[in-house]
Structures are given as structure tokens and as C-alpha cells.
């Protein structure tokens, strides 16, 4: 449904997206994952036809985003990062406004609005001004207006940033329902737990694509061993083993210390070091890798290669 071939987008001297290629199959939920500045928003804007690529080619359903932009716009729903609705219009007025922009048939509009209000659980708030909705409700309204022309492709740019955990979960429930209707979805997010909901993810860093696969395949291909333990001295435990050989990453989360090692046989040396320094760590055991582990190791590998090239 979507194809990127060597997409590059530059702004003056800044390379926002650097030679990125991937395909999105029809009916997928495809995640663009990465920190701020990774190139996720720029990639979505090019797919949406809002920007032209500097180099490379992007197509949606076989149509070129530059030459056939007007046709593509009818098939795409694009929800940007920032609240793009009109605060002084009511919920229903916003939906009608976006229906007018996309030329939704007036004869079908009332039924579609009722359906989407029910879908987004906004029916009791149809006459409320958008500015008076909570952050989570604004996100749901933005999604509902994006669906007013019944697009085949939905582009969501960090849709849950700035909302509470309950609203995040409710929003993703709505996205899943849209996906079940056969809509192809591309969503950018800095939250790796949200990436687990995607059928496939692309990890981006500083404009480059560093991995592209199903979440379970990426975890399985980590090529390392992950361990967790608990300690009231977690920071001291982290510092004690930082220089030991074979440790690819060490982090603490509260009283949890998480270790990524190149070999399970590194554990005795780790425990010996803690014993020597009189640091108590309990219940050190292997755990399943997370996407966060995949992303951290991929970035560290890139940085190591960059330093080696400059040496």
C-alpha cells in the first residue's frame, strides 16, 4: 500500500530523512519508532503529500506522492502531532467542517457522524466546544474528524503524546478497531510499549532506518542476553559493573537493575564483583528482551561505528 524507495528529505544543510526505504502492506499497523529528531514526522509528511521528497520516490497504492498528490489525499487521513481542530467550534461542527474539506457526501454525513461519535465515545459531548474537551477527548475527536472521509490509509503522528495512560489505552483501542476494518495505519511514536501493538516497526535514529521487522522478530534477533535483579543499592550495583567485559548495556529503574550481556556466562563475574564491593542484589535472573533493548543496542552499535570511523 505504501512504498518508500531511498527517501531523502533535507532542509538547507539538515538531513531530516536519510536514504530510507521500506514498504507497508495493505491492512498493516506499521510503527515508526524513535526519539525526537529521528525523522518520523518528516517521513509521515512526505507520505501524506504535505512535503515533496528531496530525493527518492514514495508511492501510496502505486500512486506517486508528487505527481498524483490530489488523488492520494482522498485516500489518506492524516492526524498531526499538534491539536489541529478549531477550539471555538463544537465537536459536531468540527466534524462537519472536515467533511466539507474532503467533500464527504451530505446525504451520508449525519449517519457517519453518529457512527464516529459512538465509535469515539463522544456522543454525550457533541455540542461541547473542542477547547473544553480533555486532552484525551481532543485526541479522540481528532481521530474521528480524520476518519470523516473514510480513508483507506491512516497516518498518525505521535497521537498519544501528552495524554494520560488511561486515555492512551482508550485511543489505541479505537485505532485497533479502525485496523480491523481493513484500514492501513502508519503511526509514529516515541513509546516502545505502543510499538508492541504494531504488526511491524521501523526503528529510526537521526534520519536513518536502523531496523525494520515485526516486534517479536526484532526481539528474537537481539543476539544478547538480558537479566534483571532487584537491589536497594541499584545505582551502586550499576556503577560497580560498568567496566566489566561483555556487558553491552546496564541501566537501573528504581530498585531494578537491567543488564544486557553478550553471553550468559558473564553472570558469575558480575555477582563476584558485587560481592567484592559489598553490594547486595537479589533475584538476578534472565528475562525476555524488550523492543527498548533492541533500540538501545542498535543505537550503541551505530555510535561505536561512528567513533571508529572518526578515529
C-alpha atoms as a PDB file:
ATOM      1  CA  UNK A   1       0.000   0.000   0.000  1.00  0.00           C
ATOM      2  CA  UNK A   2       2.886   2.385   0.793  1.00  0.00           C
ATOM      3  CA  UNK A   3       6.385   2.200  -0.648  1.00  0.00           C
ATOM      4  CA  UNK A   4       9.431   4.334   0.148  1.00  0.00           C
ATOM      5  CA  UNK A   5      12.456   3.952  -2.123  1.00  0.00           C
ATOM      6  CA  UNK A   6      15.599   5.788  -0.978  1.00  0.00           C
ATOM      7  CA  UNK A   7      13.605   8.653   0.552  1.00  0.00           C
ATOM      8  CA  UNK A   8      15.802  11.622   1.476  1.00  0.00           C
ATOM      9  CA  UNK A   9      14.477  14.940   2.755  1.00  0.00           C
ATOM     10  CA  UNK A  10      16.730  17.884   3.519  1.00  0.00           C
ATOM     11  CA  UNK A  11      16.114  21.353   4.940  1.00  0.00           C
ATOM     12  CA  UNK A  12      19.038  23.606   3.975  1.00  0.00           C
ATOM     13  CA  UNK A  13      22.050  21.781   5.484  1.00  0.00           C
ATOM     14  CA  UNK A  14      19.975  19.487   7.700  1.00  0.00           C
ATOM     15  CA  UNK A  15      19.248  15.934   6.536  1.00  0.00           C
ATOM     16  CA  UNK A  16      15.944  15.061   8.210  1.00  0.00           C
ATOM     17  CA  UNK A  17      15.474  11.705   6.453  1.00  0.00           C
ATOM     18  CA  UNK A  18      18.482   9.925   5.012  1.00  0.00           C
ATOM     19  CA  UNK A  19      18.029   7.281   2.271  1.00  0.00           C
ATOM     20  CA  UNK A  20      15.118   5.439   3.904  1.00  0.00           C
ATOM     21  CA  UNK A  21      13.403   2.531   2.153  1.00  0.00           C
ATOM     22  CA  UNK A  22      10.545   0.338   3.373  1.00  0.00           C
ATOM     23  CA  UNK A  23       7.147  -0.984   2.291  1.00  0.00           C
ATOM     24  CA  UNK A  24       3.869  -1.077   4.215  1.00  0.00           C
ATOM     25  CA  UNK A  25       1.450  -3.841   3.258  1.00  0.00           C
ATOM     26  CA  UNK A  26      -2.282  -3.300   2.940  1.00  0.00           C
ATOM     27  CA  UNK A  27      -4.009  -3.696   6.306  1.00  0.00           C
ATOM     28  CA  UNK A  28      -0.862  -3.368   8.424  1.00  0.00           C
ATOM     29  CA  UNK A  29      -0.343  -1.296  11.547  1.00  0.00           C
ATOM     30  CA  UNK A  30       3.161  -0.059  10.831  1.00  0.00           C
ATOM     31  CA  UNK A  31       5.078   1.791  13.533  1.00  0.00           C
ATOM     32  CA  UNK A  32       7.729   4.476  13.063  1.00  0.00           C
ATOM     33  CA  UNK A  33       9.710   4.372  16.292  1.00  0.00           C
ATOM     34  CA  UNK A  34      12.417   6.706  17.514  1.00  0.00           C
ATOM     35  CA  UNK A  35      13.269   9.728  19.644  1.00  0.00           C
ATOM     36  CA  UNK A  36      12.681  13.376  18.746  1.00  0.00           C
ATOM     37  CA  UNK A  37      14.716  14.281  15.672  1.00  0.00           C
ATOM     38  CA  UNK A  38      14.667  10.742  14.283  1.00  0.00           C
ATOM     39  CA  UNK A  39      12.801  11.809  11.117  1.00  0.00           C
ATOM     40  CA  UNK A  40       9.432  10.235  11.900  1.00  0.00           C
ATOM     41  CA  UNK A  41       7.287  13.348  11.370  1.00  0.00           C
ATOM     42  CA  UNK A  42       9.080  14.302   8.149  1.00  0.00           C
ATOM     43  CA  UNK A  43       8.569  10.784   6.795  1.00  0.00           C
ATOM     44  CA  UNK A  44       4.841  10.929   7.543  1.00  0.00           C
ATOM     45  CA  UNK A  45       4.526  14.368   5.964  1.00  0.00           C
ATOM     46  CA  UNK A  46       6.099  13.127   2.742  1.00  0.00           C
ATOM     47  CA  UNK A  47       3.768  10.097   2.669  1.00  0.00           C
ATOM     48  CA  UNK A  48       0.805  12.432   3.262  1.00  0.00           C
ATOM     49  CA  UNK A  49       1.866  14.590   0.254  1.00  0.00           C
ATOM     50  CA  UNK A  50       2.346  17.624   2.547  1.00  0.00           C
ATOM     51  CA  UNK A  51       6.028  17.663   1.570  1.00  0.00           C
ATOM     52  CA  UNK A  52       7.871  16.597  -1.554  1.00  0.00           C
ATOM     53  CA  UNK A  53      10.929  14.357  -1.193  1.00  0.00           C
ATOM     54  CA  UNK A  54      14.322  15.859  -1.932  1.00  0.00           C
ATOM     55  CA  UNK A  55      15.441  12.553  -3.412  1.00  0.00           C
ATOM     56  CA  UNK A  56      13.872   9.151  -3.825  1.00  0.00           C
ATOM     57  CA  UNK A  57      10.302   8.081  -4.550  1.00  0.00           C
ATOM     58  CA  UNK A  58       7.250   7.492  -2.376  1.00  0.00           C
ATOM     59  CA  UNK A  59       4.035   5.882  -3.568  1.00  0.00           C
ATOM     60  CA  UNK A  60       0.645   5.225  -1.975  1.00  0.00           C
ATOM     61  CA  UNK A  61      -1.351   2.437  -3.607  1.00  0.00           C
ATOM     62  CA  UNK A  62       1.001   2.718  -6.583  1.00  0.00           C
ATOM     63  CA  UNK A  63       0.493   6.482  -6.981  1.00  0.00           C
ATOM     64  CA  UNK A  64       3.413   8.906  -6.767  1.00  0.00           C
ATOM     65  CA  UNK A  65       3.079  11.422  -3.912  1.00  0.00           C
ATOM     66  CA  UNK A  66       4.390  14.240  -6.094  1.00  0.00           C
ATOM     67  CA  UNK A  67       2.661  13.640  -9.410  1.00  0.00           C
ATOM     68  CA  UNK A  68      -0.638  12.299  -8.061  1.00  0.00           C
ATOM     69  CA  UNK A  69      -0.927  14.162  -4.767  1.00  0.00           C
ATOM     70  CA  UNK A  70      -4.554  15.262  -5.174  1.00  0.00           C
ATOM     71  CA  UNK A  71      -5.761  11.709  -5.808  1.00  0.00           C
ATOM     72  CA  UNK A  72      -3.769  10.364  -2.854  1.00  0.00           C
ATOM     73  CA  UNK A  73      -5.209  12.968  -0.468  1.00  0.00           C
ATOM     74  CA  UNK A  74      -8.668  11.452  -0.942  1.00  0.00           C
ATOM     75  CA  UNK A  75      -7.363   8.091   0.309  1.00  0.00           C
ATOM     76  CA  UNK A  76      -5.354   9.361   3.288  1.00  0.00           C
ATOM     77  CA  UNK A  77      -6.348  10.517   6.737  1.00  0.00           C
ATOM     78  CA  UNK A  78      -3.524  12.438   8.452  1.00  0.00           C
ATOM     79  CA  UNK A  79      -3.589  13.285  12.154  1.00  0.00           C
ATOM     80  CA  UNK A  80      -0.665  15.612  13.014  1.00  0.00           C
ATOM     81  CA  UNK A  81       1.111  15.846  16.372  1.00  0.00           C
ATOM     82  CA  UNK A  82      -0.447  19.111  17.456  1.00  0.00           C
ATOM     83  CA  UNK A  83      -4.123  19.678  18.113  1.00  0.00           C
ATOM     84  CA  UNK A  84      -5.379  20.681  14.670  1.00  0.00           C
ATOM     85  CA  UNK A  85      -9.051  21.215  15.412  1.00  0.00           C
ATOM     86  CA  UNK A  86     -10.875  24.518  15.811  1.00  0.00           C
ATOM     87  CA  UNK A  87     -11.258  25.262  19.544  1.00  0.00           C
ATOM     88  CA  UNK A  88     -14.264  27.577  19.104  1.00  0.00           C
ATOM     89  CA  UNK A  89     -16.278  25.017  17.132  1.00  0.00           C
ATOM     90  CA  UNK A  90     -18.261  22.263  18.793  1.00  0.00           C
ATOM     91  CA  UNK A  91     -17.492  18.575  18.339  1.00  0.00           C
ATOM     92  CA  UNK A  92     -20.087  18.190  15.575  1.00  0.00           C
ATOM     93  CA  UNK A  93     -19.132  21.494  13.906  1.00  0.00           C
ATOM     94  CA  UNK A  94     -15.514  20.326  13.688  1.00  0.00           C
ATOM     95  CA  UNK A  95     -16.631  17.066  12.110  1.00  0.00           C
ATOM     96  CA  UNK A  96     -18.813  18.855   9.578  1.00  0.00           C
ATOM     97  CA  UNK A  97     -16.008  21.262   8.748  1.00  0.00           C
ATOM     98  CA  UNK A  98     -13.587  18.467   7.918  1.00  0.00           C
ATOM     99  CA  UNK A  99     -16.301  16.652   5.980  1.00  0.00           C
ATOM    100  CA  UNK A 100     -16.730  19.802   3.858  1.00  0.00           C
ATOM    101  CA  UNK A 101     -12.972  19.996   3.201  1.00  0.00           C
ATOM    102  CA  UNK A 102     -12.862  16.414   1.949  1.00  0.00           C
ATOM    103  CA  UNK A 103     -16.150  16.569   0.079  1.00  0.00           C
ATOM    104  CA  UNK A 104     -17.969  13.911   2.082  1.00  0.00           C
ATOM    105  CA  UNK A 105     -21.497  13.494   0.610  1.00  0.00           C
ATOM    106  CA  UNK A 106     -24.038  15.467   2.708  1.00  0.00           C
ATOM    107  CA  UNK A 107     -26.556  12.634   2.324  1.00  0.00           C
ATOM    108  CA  UNK A 108     -24.245  10.239   4.216  1.00  0.00           C
ATOM    109  CA  UNK A 109     -22.802  12.715   6.677  1.00  0.00           C
ATOM    110  CA  UNK A 110     -25.298  12.610   9.541  1.00  0.00           C
ATOM    111  CA  UNK A 111     -25.157   8.829   9.771  1.00  0.00           C
ATOM    112  CA  UNK A 112     -21.347   8.850   9.584  1.00  0.00           C
ATOM    113  CA  UNK A 113     -21.070  11.491  12.324  1.00  0.00           C
ATOM    114  CA  UNK A 114     -23.360   9.459  14.576  1.00  0.00           C
ATOM    115  CA  UNK A 115     -21.301   6.341  13.881  1.00  0.00           C
ATOM    116  CA  UNK A 116     -17.961   8.052  14.583  1.00  0.00           C
ATOM    117  CA  UNK A 117     -19.237   9.794  17.723  1.00  0.00           C
ATOM    118  CA  UNK A 118     -20.338   6.433  19.053  1.00  0.00           C
ATOM    119  CA  UNK A 119     -17.072   4.831  17.966  1.00  0.00           C
ATOM    120  CA  UNK A 120     -15.023   7.548  19.734  1.00  0.00           C
ATOM    121  CA  UNK A 121     -17.376   7.608  22.761  1.00  0.00           C
ATOM    122  CA  UNK A 122     -18.055  11.297  22.229  1.00  0.00           C
ATOM    123  CA  UNK A 123     -21.836  11.173  21.733  1.00  0.00           C
ATOM    124  CA  UNK A 124     -22.603  12.941  25.064  1.00  0.00           C
ATOM    125  CA  UNK A 125     -20.251  15.791  24.082  1.00  0.00           C
ATOM    126  CA  UNK A 126     -21.441  16.583  20.552  1.00  0.00           C
ATOM    127  CA  UNK A 127     -22.320  20.213  21.426  1.00  0.00           C
ATOM    128  CA  UNK A 128     -19.247  20.868  23.596  1.00  0.00           C
ATOM    129  CA  UNK A 129     -16.595  23.246  22.262  1.00  0.00           C
ATOM    130  CA  UNK A 130     -13.366  21.496  21.317  1.00  0.00           C
ATOM    131  CA  UNK A 131     -11.352  23.759  23.626  1.00  0.00           C
ATOM    132  CA  UNK A 132     -13.366  22.467  26.596  1.00  0.00           C
ATOM    133  CA  UNK A 133     -12.565  18.802  25.971  1.00  0.00           C
ATOM    134  CA  UNK A 134      -9.893  16.982  27.956  1.00  0.00           C
ATOM    135  CA  UNK A 135      -6.634  16.145  26.222  1.00  0.00           C
ATOM    136  CA  UNK A 136      -7.654  12.540  25.678  1.00  0.00           C
ATOM    137  CA  UNK A 137     -11.053  13.540  24.296  1.00  0.00           C
ATOM    138  CA  UNK A 138      -9.406  16.027  21.925  1.00  0.00           C
ATOM    139  CA  UNK A 139      -7.259  13.192  20.557  1.00  0.00           C
ATOM    140  CA  UNK A 140     -10.358  11.055  20.020  1.00  0.00           C
ATOM    141  CA  UNK A 141     -12.124  13.920  18.264  1.00  0.00           C
ATOM    142  CA  UNK A 142      -9.077  14.468  16.054  1.00  0.00           C
ATOM    143  CA  UNK A 143      -9.171  10.796  15.084  1.00  0.00           C
ATOM    144  CA  UNK A 144     -12.912  10.955  14.371  1.00  0.00           C
ATOM    145  CA  UNK A 145     -12.534  14.009  12.099  1.00  0.00           C
ATOM    146  CA  UNK A 146      -9.631  12.301  10.306  1.00  0.00           C
ATOM    147  CA  UNK A 147     -11.963   9.405   9.504  1.00  0.00           C
ATOM    148  CA  UNK A 148     -14.802  11.610   8.162  1.00  0.00           C
ATOM    149  CA  UNK A 149     -13.912  10.855   4.518  1.00  0.00           C
ATOM    150  CA  UNK A 150     -13.392   7.116   5.254  1.00  0.00           C
ATOM    151  CA  UNK A 151      -9.720   6.935   4.206  1.00  0.00           C
ATOM    152  CA  UNK A 152      -8.004   3.700   3.216  1.00  0.00           C
ATOM    153  CA  UNK A 153      -4.731   4.862   4.794  1.00  0.00           C
ATOM    154  CA  UNK A 154      -4.431   6.472   8.232  1.00  0.00           C
ATOM    155  CA  UNK A 155      -1.286   8.382   9.249  1.00  0.00           C
ATOM    156  CA  UNK A 156      -0.949   9.163  12.980  1.00  0.00           C
ATOM    157  CA  UNK A 157       1.908  11.348  14.176  1.00  0.00           C
ATOM    158  CA  UNK A 158       2.623  10.684  17.876  1.00  0.00           C
ATOM    159  CA  UNK A 159      -1.123  10.605  18.566  1.00  0.00           C
ATOM    160  CA  UNK A 160      -0.911   9.879  22.310  1.00  0.00           C
ATOM    161  CA  UNK A 161       1.831  12.299  23.320  1.00  0.00           C
ATOM    162  CA  UNK A 162       0.758  14.365  26.316  1.00  0.00           C
ATOM    163  CA  UNK A 163      -2.246  12.320  27.403  1.00  0.00           C
ATOM    164  CA  UNK A 164      -2.679  10.158  30.493  1.00  0.00           C
ATOM    165  CA  UNK A 165      -2.161   6.357  30.444  1.00  0.00           C
ATOM    166  CA  UNK A 166      -5.889   5.571  30.504  1.00  0.00           C
ATOM    167  CA  UNK A 167      -6.533   7.858  27.520  1.00  0.00           C
ATOM    168  CA  UNK A 168      -3.585   6.291  25.702  1.00  0.00           C
ATOM    169  CA  UNK A 169      -5.094   2.835  26.128  1.00  0.00           C
ATOM    170  CA  UNK A 170      -8.550   4.022  25.035  1.00  0.00           C
ATOM    171  CA  UNK A 171      -7.085   5.702  21.952  1.00  0.00           C
ATOM    172  CA  UNK A 172      -5.248   2.532  20.962  1.00  0.00           C
ATOM    173  CA  UNK A 173      -8.462   0.552  21.382  1.00  0.00           C
ATOM    174  CA  UNK A 174     -10.005   2.885  18.796  1.00  0.00           C
ATOM    175  CA  UNK A 175      -7.012   2.503  16.460  1.00  0.00           C
ATOM    176  CA  UNK A 176      -7.302  -1.273  16.711  1.00  0.00           C
ATOM    177  CA  UNK A 177     -10.977  -1.094  15.711  1.00  0.00           C
ATOM    178  CA  UNK A 178     -10.061   1.020  12.677  1.00  0.00           C
ATOM    179  CA  UNK A 179      -7.413  -1.547  11.755  1.00  0.00           C
ATOM    180  CA  UNK A 180      -9.986  -4.358  11.976  1.00  0.00           C
ATOM    181  CA  UNK A 181     -11.975  -2.506   9.302  1.00  0.00           C
ATOM    182  CA  UNK A 182      -9.066  -3.060   6.902  1.00  0.00           C
ATOM    183  CA  UNK A 183      -7.509   0.414   7.071  1.00  0.00           C
ATOM    184  CA  UNK A 184      -3.735   0.574   6.611  1.00  0.00           C
ATOM    185  CA  UNK A 185      -2.215   2.511   9.513  1.00  0.00           C
ATOM    186  CA  UNK A 186       1.194   4.129   9.909  1.00  0.00           C
ATOM    187  CA  UNK A 187       1.784   5.520  13.396  1.00  0.00           C
ATOM    188  CA  UNK A 188       4.825   7.309  14.782  1.00  0.00           C
ATOM    189  CA  UNK A 189       5.511   7.103  18.493  1.00  0.00           C
ATOM    190  CA  UNK A 190       8.353   7.527  20.979  1.00  0.00           C
ATOM    191  CA  UNK A 191       6.678   4.938  23.230  1.00  0.00           C
ATOM    192  CA  UNK A 192       8.116   1.483  22.712  1.00  0.00           C
ATOM    193  CA  UNK A 193       5.227  -0.189  24.535  1.00  0.00           C
ATOM    194  CA  UNK A 194       2.941   1.174  21.791  1.00  0.00           C
ATOM    195  CA  UNK A 195       5.249  -0.307  19.167  1.00  0.00           C
ATOM    196  CA  UNK A 196       4.375  -3.751  20.540  1.00  0.00           C
ATOM    197  CA  UNK A 197       0.846  -3.214  19.177  1.00  0.00           C
ATOM    198  CA  UNK A 198       2.140  -2.845  15.606  1.00  0.00           C
ATOM    199  CA  UNK A 199       2.384  -5.677  13.095  1.00  0.00           C
ATOM    200  CA  UNK A 200       5.756  -4.303  12.012  1.00  0.00           C
ATOM    201  CA  UNK A 201       8.012  -1.460  13.155  1.00  0.00           C
ATOM    202  CA  UNK A 202      10.771   0.660  11.662  1.00  0.00           C
ATOM    203  CA  UNK A 203      13.321   1.954  14.146  1.00  0.00           C
ATOM    204  CA  UNK A 204      14.700   5.361  13.135  1.00  0.00           C
ATOM    205  CA  UNK A 205      17.610   7.338  14.520  1.00  0.00           C
ATOM    206  CA  UNK A 206      18.921  10.675  13.205  1.00  0.00           C
ATOM    207  CA  UNK A 207      17.080  10.276   9.926  1.00  0.00           C
ATOM    208  CA  UNK A 208      18.263   6.733   9.237  1.00  0.00           C
ATOM    209  CA  UNK A 209      16.395   3.440   9.275  1.00  0.00           C
ATOM    210  CA  UNK A 210      18.255   1.101  11.633  1.00  0.00           C
ATOM    211  CA  UNK A 211      15.825  -1.843  11.822  1.00  0.00           C
ATOM    212  CA  UNK A 212      12.570  -2.950  10.198  1.00  0.00           C
ATOM    213  CA  UNK A 213      10.683  -6.087  11.215  1.00  0.00           C
ATOM    214  CA  UNK A 214       7.890  -7.487  13.362  1.00  0.00           C
ATOM    215  CA  UNK A 215       8.417  -6.728  17.075  1.00  0.00           C
ATOM    216  CA  UNK A 216       8.774 -10.404  18.014  1.00  0.00           C
ATOM    217  CA  UNK A 217      11.355 -10.949  15.246  1.00  0.00           C
ATOM    218  CA  UNK A 218      13.387  -7.940  16.381  1.00  0.00           C
ATOM    219  CA  UNK A 219      13.433  -9.214  19.952  1.00  0.00           C
ATOM    220  CA  UNK A 220      14.388 -12.729  18.824  1.00  0.00           C
ATOM    221  CA  UNK A 221      17.281 -11.333  16.775  1.00  0.00           C
ATOM    222  CA  UNK A 222      18.737  -9.309  19.644  1.00  0.00           C
ATOM    223  CA  UNK A 223      21.791 -11.568  19.814  1.00  0.00           C
ATOM    224  CA  UNK A 224      22.309 -10.874  23.518  1.00  0.00           C
ATOM    225  CA  UNK A 225      21.119 -11.998  26.945  1.00  0.00           C
ATOM    226  CA  UNK A 226      19.017  -9.832  29.258  1.00  0.00           C
ATOM    227  CA  UNK A 227      18.965 -10.137  33.050  1.00  0.00           C
ATOM    228  CA  UNK A 228      17.188  -8.280  35.837  1.00  0.00           C
ATOM    229  CA  UNK A 229      17.772  -8.136  39.561  1.00  0.00           C
ATOM    230  CA  UNK A 230      16.494  -6.090  42.494  1.00  0.00           C
ATOM    231  CA  UNK A 231      18.562  -4.042  44.904  1.00  0.00           C
ATOM    232  CA  UNK A 232      18.161  -1.221  47.396  1.00  0.00           C
ATOM    233  CA  UNK A 233      21.605  -0.189  46.092  1.00  0.00           C
ATOM    234  CA  UNK A 234      20.692  -0.319  42.412  1.00  0.00           C
ATOM    235  CA  UNK A 235      22.792   2.702  41.398  1.00  0.00           C
ATOM    236  CA  UNK A 236      25.828   1.350  43.247  1.00  0.00           C
ATOM    237  CA  UNK A 237      25.254  -2.053  41.614  1.00  0.00           C
ATOM    238  CA  UNK A 238      25.191  -0.405  38.183  1.00  0.00           C
ATOM    239  CA  UNK A 239      28.378   1.573  38.787  1.00  0.00           C
ATOM    240  CA  UNK A 240      30.214  -1.480  40.169  1.00  0.00           C
ATOM    241  CA  UNK A 241      29.969  -3.450  36.916  1.00  0.00           C
ATOM    242  CA  UNK A 242      30.098  -0.727  34.251  1.00  0.00           C
ATOM    243  CA  UNK A 243      33.643  -1.646  33.138  1.00  0.00           C
ATOM    244  CA  UNK A 244      33.298  -5.443  33.161  1.00  0.00           C
ATOM    245  CA  UNK A 245      33.881  -7.094  29.774  1.00  0.00           C
ATOM    246  CA  UNK A 246      30.948  -8.360  27.743  1.00  0.00           C
ATOM    247  CA  UNK A 247      28.303  -6.037  29.163  1.00  0.00           C
ATOM    248  CA  UNK A 248      26.520  -4.265  26.344  1.00  0.00           C
ATOM    249  CA  UNK A 249      24.220  -2.109  28.463  1.00  0.00           C
ATOM    250  CA  UNK A 250      23.445  -1.596  32.159  1.00  0.00           C
ATOM    251  CA  UNK A 251      20.542   0.505  33.446  1.00  0.00           C
ATOM    252  CA  UNK A 252      18.539   0.980  36.611  1.00  0.00           C
ATOM    253  CA  UNK A 253      14.792   1.586  37.021  1.00  0.00           C
ATOM    254  CA  UNK A 254      14.012   2.310  40.660  1.00  0.00           C
ATOM    255  CA  UNK A 255      15.265  -0.740  42.552  1.00  0.00           C
ATOM    256  CA  UNK A 256      15.619  -2.804  39.352  1.00  0.00           C
ATOM    257  CA  UNK A 257      18.962  -3.266  37.611  1.00  0.00           C
ATOM    258  CA  UNK A 258      18.732  -4.433  33.979  1.00  0.00           C
ATOM    259  CA  UNK A 259      21.771  -5.912  32.250  1.00  0.00           C
ATOM    260  CA  UNK A 260      22.327  -6.816  28.596  1.00  0.00           C
ATOM    261  CA  UNK A 261      25.324  -9.128  28.151  1.00  0.00           C
ATOM    262  CA  UNK A 262      26.922 -10.853  25.176  1.00  0.00           C
ATOM    263  CA  UNK A 263      26.935 -14.201  26.989  1.00  0.00           C
ATOM    264  CA  UNK A 264      25.031 -15.746  29.884  1.00  0.00           C
ATOM    265  CA  UNK A 265      28.401 -16.911  31.234  1.00  0.00           C
ATOM    266  CA  UNK A 266      29.142 -13.308  32.293  1.00  0.00           C
ATOM    267  CA  UNK A 267      26.847 -13.641  35.324  1.00  0.00           C
ATOM    268  CA  UNK A 268      29.363 -15.237  37.748  1.00  0.00           C
ATOM    269  CA  UNK A 269      31.824 -12.388  37.155  1.00  0.00           C
ATOM    270  CA  UNK A 270      29.046  -9.834  37.747  1.00  0.00           C
ATOM    271  CA  UNK A 271      27.980 -11.456  41.007  1.00  0.00           C
ATOM    272  CA  UNK A 272      31.618 -11.735  42.139  1.00  0.00           C
ATOM    273  CA  UNK A 273      32.117  -8.009  41.546  1.00  0.00           C
ATOM    274  CA  UNK A 274      29.056  -7.151  43.600  1.00  0.00           C
ATOM    275  CA  UNK A 275      30.217  -9.456  46.400  1.00  0.00           C
ATOM    276  CA  UNK A 276      33.681  -7.865  46.377  1.00  0.00           C
ATOM    277  CA  UNK A 277      32.174  -4.379  46.671  1.00  0.00           C
ATOM    278  CA  UNK A 278      29.624  -5.487  49.265  1.00  0.00           C
ATOM    279  CA  UNK A 279      26.634  -4.597  47.043  1.00  0.00           C
ATOM    280  CA  UNK A 280      23.544  -6.739  47.568  1.00  0.00           C
ATOM    281  CA  UNK A 281      21.456  -7.699  44.517  1.00  0.00           C
ATOM    282  CA  UNK A 282      18.628 -10.213  44.796  1.00  0.00           C
ATOM    283  CA  UNK A 283      16.850 -12.426  42.284  1.00  0.00           C
ATOM    284  CA  UNK A 284      19.165 -11.862  39.311  1.00  0.00           C
ATOM    285  CA  UNK A 285      17.583 -13.897  36.509  1.00  0.00           C
ATOM    286  CA  UNK A 286      17.118 -13.953  32.726  1.00  0.00           C
ATOM    287  CA  UNK A 287      14.144 -12.005  31.317  1.00  0.00           C
ATOM    288  CA  UNK A 288      12.592 -11.632  27.887  1.00  0.00           C
ATOM    289  CA  UNK A 289      14.126  -8.892  25.701  1.00  0.00           C
ATOM    290  CA  UNK A 290      12.052  -5.774  25.032  1.00  0.00           C
ATOM    291  CA  UNK A 291      11.987  -3.527  21.983  1.00  0.00           C
ATOM    292  CA  UNK A 292      13.760  -0.960  24.128  1.00  0.00           C
ATOM    293  CA  UNK A 293      16.725  -3.355  24.365  1.00  0.00           C
ATOM    294  CA  UNK A 294      16.780  -3.762  20.584  1.00  0.00           C
ATOM    295  CA  UNK A 295      16.700   0.003  20.074  1.00  0.00           C
ATOM    296  CA  UNK A 296      19.385   0.744  22.679  1.00  0.00           C
ATOM    297  CA  UNK A 297      21.809  -1.808  21.260  1.00  0.00           C
ATOM    298  CA  UNK A 298      21.186  -0.676  17.675  1.00  0.00           C
ATOM    299  CA  UNK A 299      21.951   2.945  18.599  1.00  0.00           C
ATOM    300  CA  UNK A 300      25.063   1.984  20.571  1.00  0.00           C
ATOM    301  CA  UNK A 301      26.304  -0.045  17.610  1.00  0.00           C
ATOM    302  CA  UNK A 302      25.819   2.952  15.311  1.00  0.00           C
ATOM    303  CA  UNK A 303      27.657   5.237  17.720  1.00  0.00           C
ATOM    304  CA  UNK A 304      30.547   2.773  18.043  1.00  0.00           C
ATOM    305  CA  UNK A 305      30.844   2.548  14.260  1.00  0.00           C
ATOM    306  CA  UNK A 306      30.777   6.354  14.014  1.00  0.00           C
ATOM    307  CA  UNK A 307      33.565   6.735  16.596  1.00  0.00           C
ATOM    308  CA  UNK A 308      35.626   4.021  14.887  1.00  0.00           C
ATOM    309  CA  UNK A 309      35.283   5.777  11.523  1.00  0.00           C
ATOM    310  CA  UNK A 310      36.481   9.067  13.020  1.00  0.00           C
ATOM    311  CA  UNK A 311      39.420   7.501  14.874  1.00  0.00           C
END
